Amino acid sequence: MLIAVATENNKVAEHFGHCDQFTLYNLETGEYSTLANPEHQPGMLPGYLRQNGVDVIIAGGMGERAKLLFNELNIEVYVGIASDIESAVETYKAGRLNSKDVFCQHDDHNHDCNHERG
């Protein structure tokens, strides 16, 4: 199983589509790696991550359309996460990671989301 954490400055990125990169964690091997975030194109990232073997996405927030696309590809979505990467992964592994349903409600993807996260 492969977990992707939307990453910015070594923390969970506020908006998955605009993150610097994805930190990947292989649950079977316990190894971390990174995957570049290609230029943001609405609707493209769920397929890109699935092609790279991702089963779970962890992010601060994302659009509702992205969540639907991830769900169609059977990728678990966890949003509303505000922590460092390792803490997010360890909390997921312990079965205690709770998605807070933080979804953008707009079509303009050239913005700073400033989501309320707990």
Protein backbone atom coordinates (compact mmCIF):
# COMPACT_ATOMS: atom_id res chain seq x y z
CA MET A 1 0.00 0.00 0.00
CA LEU A 2 1.33 3.43 -0.97
CA ILE A 3 0.42 6.61 0.91
CA ALA A 4 0.92 10.01 -0.75
CA VAL A 5 1.23 13.08 1.45
CA ALA A 6 0.83 16.43 -0.32
CA THR A 7 4.00 18.16 0.86
CA GLU A 8 5.13 21.74 1.23
CA ASN A 9 8.09 22.78 3.41
CA ASN A 10 8.27 19.28 4.96
CA LYS A 11 4.67 19.53 6.22
CA VAL A 12 1.27 18.46 4.95
CA ALA A 13 0.39 21.02 2.26
CA GLU A 14 -2.70 23.15 2.73
CA HIS A 15 -3.96 22.37 -0.81
CA PHE A 16 -2.92 19.13 -2.46
CA GLY A 17 -3.00 20.49 -6.04
CA HIS A 18 -0.53 23.25 -5.29
CA CYS A 19 1.95 21.31 -3.17
CA ASP A 20 5.67 21.26 -3.96
CA GLN A 21 5.75 17.47 -4.18
CA PHE A 22 4.20 14.31 -2.80
CA THR A 23 5.98 12.37 -0.10
CA LEU A 24 5.28 8.69 -0.64
CA TYR A 25 5.33 6.13 2.15
CA ASN A 26 5.33 2.43 1.32
CA LEU A 27 3.41 0.69 4.09
CA GLU A 28 4.97 -2.71 3.32
CA THR A 29 8.62 -1.62 3.27
CA GLY A 30 8.46 1.40 5.59
CA GLU A 31 10.39 3.47 3.04
CA TYR A 32 9.82 7.09 2.11
CA SER A 33 10.35 8.55 -1.36
CA THR A 34 9.16 11.62 -3.24
CA LEU A 35 7.15 12.22 -6.39
CA ALA A 36 7.20 15.53 -8.23
CA ASN A 37 3.96 17.43 -8.58
CA PRO A 38 3.63 18.18 -12.30
CA GLU A 39 2.15 21.49 -13.36
CA HIS A 40 -1.32 21.83 -11.82
CA GLN A 41 -4.09 20.96 -14.24
CA PRO A 42 -7.56 20.53 -12.71
CA GLY A 43 -8.62 16.88 -12.62
CA MET A 44 -5.23 15.42 -13.62
CA LEU A 45 -3.60 14.60 -10.26
CA PRO A 46 -5.86 11.72 -9.12
CA GLY A 47 -5.03 9.71 -12.27
CA TYR A 48 -1.34 10.68 -12.03
CA LEU A 49 -1.15 9.45 -8.43
CA ARG A 50 -3.06 6.23 -9.26
CA GLN A 51 -0.62 5.55 -12.14
CA ASN A 52 2.17 5.84 -9.59
CA GLY A 53 0.54 3.24 -7.33
CA VAL A 54 -0.99 5.53 -4.70
CA ASP A 55 -3.76 4.07 -2.51
CA VAL A 56 -4.18 6.91 0.03
CA ILE A 57 -3.86 10.71 -0.27
CA ILE A 58 -3.32 12.95 2.77
CA ALA A 59 -3.65 16.73 2.40
CA GLY A 60 -4.76 19.90 4.11
CA GLY A 61 -7.56 20.50 1.64
CA MET A 62 -8.75 19.91 -1.91
CA GLY A 63 -11.67 20.60 -4.20
CA GLU A 64 -14.78 18.45 -4.11
CA ARG A 65 -14.23 17.41 -7.74
CA ALA A 66 -10.78 16.08 -6.85
CA LYS A 67 -12.27 14.07 -3.97
CA LEU A 68 -14.82 12.54 -6.33
CA LEU A 69 -12.09 11.63 -8.82
CA PHE A 70 -10.00 10.02 -6.07
CA ASN A 71 -13.05 8.07 -4.90
CA GLU A 72 -13.72 6.84 -8.45
CA LEU A 73 -10.14 5.51 -8.51
CA ASN A 74 -10.57 3.84 -5.09
CA ILE A 75 -7.99 6.12 -3.45
CA GLU A 76 -8.75 6.93 0.20
CA VAL A 77 -8.87 10.69 0.89
CA TYR A 78 -7.86 12.33 4.16
CA VAL A 79 -8.14 16.14 4.27
CA GLY A 80 -8.04 18.73 7.00
CA ILE A 81 -4.70 17.35 8.16
CA ALA A 82 -2.29 19.90 9.64
CA SER A 83 0.91 18.24 10.81
CA ASP A 84 4.35 17.17 9.73
CA ILE A 85 4.59 14.32 7.26
CA GLU A 86 5.81 11.62 9.64
CA SER A 87 3.09 12.38 12.21
CA ALA A 88 0.40 12.15 9.53
CA VAL A 89 1.73 8.79 8.34
CA GLU A 90 2.10 7.40 11.87
CA THR A 91 -1.42 8.53 12.79
CA TYR A 92 -2.74 6.84 9.63
CA LYS A 93 -0.86 3.63 10.46
CA ALA A 94 -2.35 3.67 13.96
CA GLY A 95 -5.86 3.97 12.46
CA ARG A 96 -6.43 7.36 14.09
CA LEU A 97 -6.24 9.73 11.11
CA ASN A 98 -9.57 11.51 10.76
CA SER A 99 -10.56 13.41 7.65
CA LYS A 100 -12.20 16.73 8.42
CA ASP A 101 -13.92 17.23 5.04
CA VAL A 102 -12.10 20.46 4.18
CA PHE A 103 -12.98 21.06 0.54
CA CYS A 104 -12.60 24.16 -1.58
CA GLN A 105 -15.93 25.55 -2.77
CA HIS A 106 -14.66 27.55 -5.74
CA ASP A 107 -13.48 27.14 -9.30
CA ASP A 108 -10.52 29.57 -9.14
CA HIS A 109 -7.42 27.45 -8.61
CA ASN A 110 -4.99 30.37 -8.51
CA HIS A 111 -5.45 31.23 -4.86
CA ASP A 112 -4.37 30.56 -1.32
CA CYS A 113 -7.00 28.41 0.36
CA ASN A 114 -6.52 29.38 4.03
CA HIS A 115 -8.74 26.52 5.18
CA GLU A 116 -9.86 26.29 8.77
CA ARG A 117 -8.24 23.12 10.03
CA GLY A 118 -8.30 21.50 13.41
